[in-house]
C-alpha atoms as a PDB file:
ATOM      1  CA  LYS A   1      26.354 -48.294 -32.984  1.00  0.00           C
ATOM      2  CA  VAL A   2      28.031 -44.891 -33.219  1.00  0.00           C
ATOM      3  CA  LEU A   3      24.617 -43.255 -33.534  1.00  0.00           C
ATOM      4  CA  LEU A   4      23.317 -45.077 -30.436  1.00  0.00           C
ATOM      5  CA  THR A   5      26.374 -44.027 -28.453  1.00  0.00           C
ATOM      6  CA  GLY A   6      25.939 -40.420 -29.605  1.00  0.00           C
ATOM      7  CA  GLU A   7      22.239 -40.542 -28.770  1.00  0.00           C
ATOM      8  CA  ARG A   8      22.943 -41.882 -25.273  1.00  0.00           C
ATOM      9  CA  ALA A   9      25.547 -39.195 -24.704  1.00  0.00           C
ATOM     10  CA  LEU A  10      23.081 -36.576 -25.872  1.00  0.00           C
ATOM     11  CA  GLN A  11      20.367 -37.982 -23.584  1.00  0.00           C
ATOM     12  CA  GLU A  12      22.765 -37.879 -20.633  1.00  0.00           C
ATOM     13  CA  GLU A  13      23.689 -34.305 -21.439  1.00  0.00           C
ATOM     14  CA  VAL A  14      20.014 -33.318 -21.734  1.00  0.00           C
ATOM     15  CA  THR A  15      19.327 -35.027 -18.408  1.00  0.00           C
ATOM     16  CA  GLN A  16      22.184 -33.112 -16.756  1.00  0.00           C
ATOM     17  CA  VAL A  17      20.952 -29.821 -18.220  1.00  0.00           C
ATOM     18  CA  ARG A  18      17.408 -30.576 -17.030  1.00  0.00           C
ATOM     19  CA  ARG A  19      18.661 -31.376 -13.514  1.00  0.00           C
ATOM     20  CA  ALA A  20      20.754 -28.214 -13.445  1.00  0.00           C
ATOM     21  CA  ALA A  21      17.785 -26.163 -14.619  1.00  0.00           C
ATOM     22  CA  ALA A  22      15.504 -27.757 -12.010  1.00  0.00           C
ATOM     23  CA  SER A  23      18.085 -27.079  -9.314  1.00  0.00           C
ATOM     24  CA  THR A  24      18.430 -23.469 -10.425  1.00  0.00           C
ATOM     25  CA  ILE A  25      14.671 -23.032 -10.440  1.00  0.00           C
ATOM     26  CA  GLN A  26      14.370 -24.503  -6.951  1.00  0.00           C
ATOM     27  CA  GLY A  27      17.051 -22.122  -5.729  1.00  0.00           C
ATOM     28  CA  ASP A  28      15.323 -19.180  -7.386  1.00  0.00           C
ATOM     29  CA  VAL A  29      12.012 -20.158  -5.780  1.00  0.00           C
ATOM     30  CA  LYS A  30      13.655 -20.271  -2.346  1.00  0.00           C
ATOM     31  CA  VAL A  31      15.266 -16.863  -2.893  1.00  0.00           C
ATOM     32  CA  ALA A  32      11.955 -15.431  -4.120  1.00  0.00           C
ATOM     33  CA  ALA A  33      10.129 -16.852  -1.086  1.00  0.00           C
ATOM     34  CA  LYS A  34      12.671 -15.277   1.276  1.00  0.00           C
ATOM     35  CA  ALA A  35      12.384 -11.964  -0.558  1.00  0.00           C
ATOM     36  CA  ALA A  36       8.584 -12.113  -0.349  1.00  0.00           C
ATOM     37  CA  LYS A  37       8.718 -12.713   3.415  1.00  0.00           C
ATOM     38  CA  LYS A  38      11.158  -9.849   3.853  1.00  0.00           C
ATOM     39  CA  LEU A  39       8.931  -7.594   1.761  1.00  0.00           C
ATOM     40  CA  GLU A  40       5.864  -8.593   3.794  1.00  0.00           C
ATOM     41  CA  LYS A  41       7.699  -7.650   6.997  1.00  0.00           C
ATOM     42  CA  LEU A  42       8.817  -4.329   5.527  1.00  0.00           C
ATOM     43  CA  VAL A  43       5.240  -3.559   4.454  1.00  0.00           C
ATOM     44  CA  ALA A  44       3.871  -4.508   7.884  1.00  0.00           C
ATOM     45  CA  ASP A  45       6.492  -2.321   9.595  1.00  0.00           C
ATOM     46  CA  PHE A  46       5.708   0.565   7.241  1.00  0.00           C
ATOM     47  CA  GLU A  47       1.970   0.220   7.871  1.00  0.00           C
ATOM     48  CA  ALA A  48       2.508   0.166  11.638  1.00  0.00           C
ATOM     49  CA  THR A  49       4.718   3.247  11.468  1.00  0.00           C
ATOM     50  CA  ALA A  50       2.271   5.053   9.189  1.00  0.00           C
ATOM     51  CA  ALA A  51      -0.619   4.239  11.540  1.00  0.00           C
ATOM     52  CA  ALA A  52       1.337   5.492  14.559  1.00  0.00           C
ATOM     53  CA  ASP A  53       2.294   8.661  12.678  1.00  0.00           C
ATOM     54  CA  ALA A  54      -1.338   9.214  11.674  1.00  0.00           C
ATOM     55  CA  ARG A  55      -2.491   8.837  15.292  1.00  0.00           C
ATOM     56  CA  ALA A  56       0.178  11.255  16.501  1.00  0.00           C
ATOM     57  CA  LEU A  57      -0.740  13.738  13.769  1.00  0.00           C
ATOM     58  CA  GLU A  58      -4.433  13.463  14.640  1.00  0.00           C
ATOM     59  CA  LYS A  59      -3.656  14.184  18.304  1.00  0.00           C
ATOM     60  CA  GLU A  60      -1.624  17.244  17.290  1.00  0.00           C
ATOM     61  CA  ILE A  61      -4.412  18.494  15.037  1.00  0.00           C
ATOM     62  CA  VAL A  62      -7.018  18.027  17.771  1.00  0.00           C
ATOM     63  CA  LYS A  63      -4.748  19.858  20.213  1.00  0.00           C
ATOM     64  CA  ASP A  64      -4.275  22.719  17.733  1.00  0.00           C
ATOM     65  CA  VAL A  65      -8.016  22.941  17.033  1.00  0.00           C
ATOM     66  CA  VAL A  66      -8.799  23.063  20.750  1.00  0.00           C
ATOM     67  CA  ASN A  67      -6.249  25.842  21.219  1.00  0.00           C
ATOM     68  CA  ILE A  68      -7.658  27.790  18.268  1.00  0.00           C
ATOM     69  CA  GLU A  69     -11.198  27.383  19.609  1.00  0.00           C
ATOM     70  CA  LYS A  70     -10.077  28.700  23.007  1.00  0.00           C
ATOM     71  CA  GLU A  71      -8.347  31.650  21.374  1.00  0.00           C
ATOM     72  CA  VAL A  72     -11.435  32.446  19.280  1.00  0.00           C
ATOM     73  CA  GLU A  73     -13.617  32.247  22.397  1.00  0.00           C
ATOM     74  CA  ARG A  74     -11.279  34.620  24.226  1.00  0.00           C
ATOM     75  CA  ASP A  75     -11.341  37.018  21.298  1.00  0.00           C
ATOM     76  CA  VAL A  76     -15.124  36.873  20.947  1.00  0.00           C
ATOM     77  CA  PHE A  77     -15.779  37.240  24.667  1.00  0.00           C
ATOM     78  CA  GLY A  78     -13.151  39.982  24.837  1.00  0.00           C
ATOM     79  CA  LEU A  79     -14.962  41.892  22.087  1.00  0.00           C
ATOM     80  CA  ARG A  80     -18.293  41.434  23.842  1.00  0.00           C
ATOM     81  CA  ARG A  81     -16.897  42.631  27.140  1.00  0.00           C
ATOM     82  CA  SER A  82     -15.294  45.694  25.579  1.00  0.00           C
ATOM     83  CA  SER A  83     -18.517  46.553  23.731  1.00  0.00           C
ATOM     84  CA  ASP A  84     -20.502  46.057  26.960  1.00  0.00           C
ATOM     85  CA  ALA A  85     -18.085  48.329  28.799  1.00  0.00           C
ATOM     86  CA  ARG A  86     -18.594  51.076  26.219  1.00  0.00           C
ATOM     87  CA  ARG A  87     -22.324  51.139  26.845  1.00  0.00           C
END
């Protein structure tokens, strides 16, 4: 009888530990899911910002290239004009 009582007590304790573990796991899963959603939002925000920065940088580069091309044209035409004037 003492063994049966001890076994029942042990089974109850194991059941309580199992329930506590299951509860902890469920809580951890919820926390992990929230963290994953937050991370997804951070990644999406980062990607949007990076894309906007890339577009702005591309516009600046195009603007700089156009200005350089204009300056080169002025220099080349200026050289041609000065060489034509010497003749």
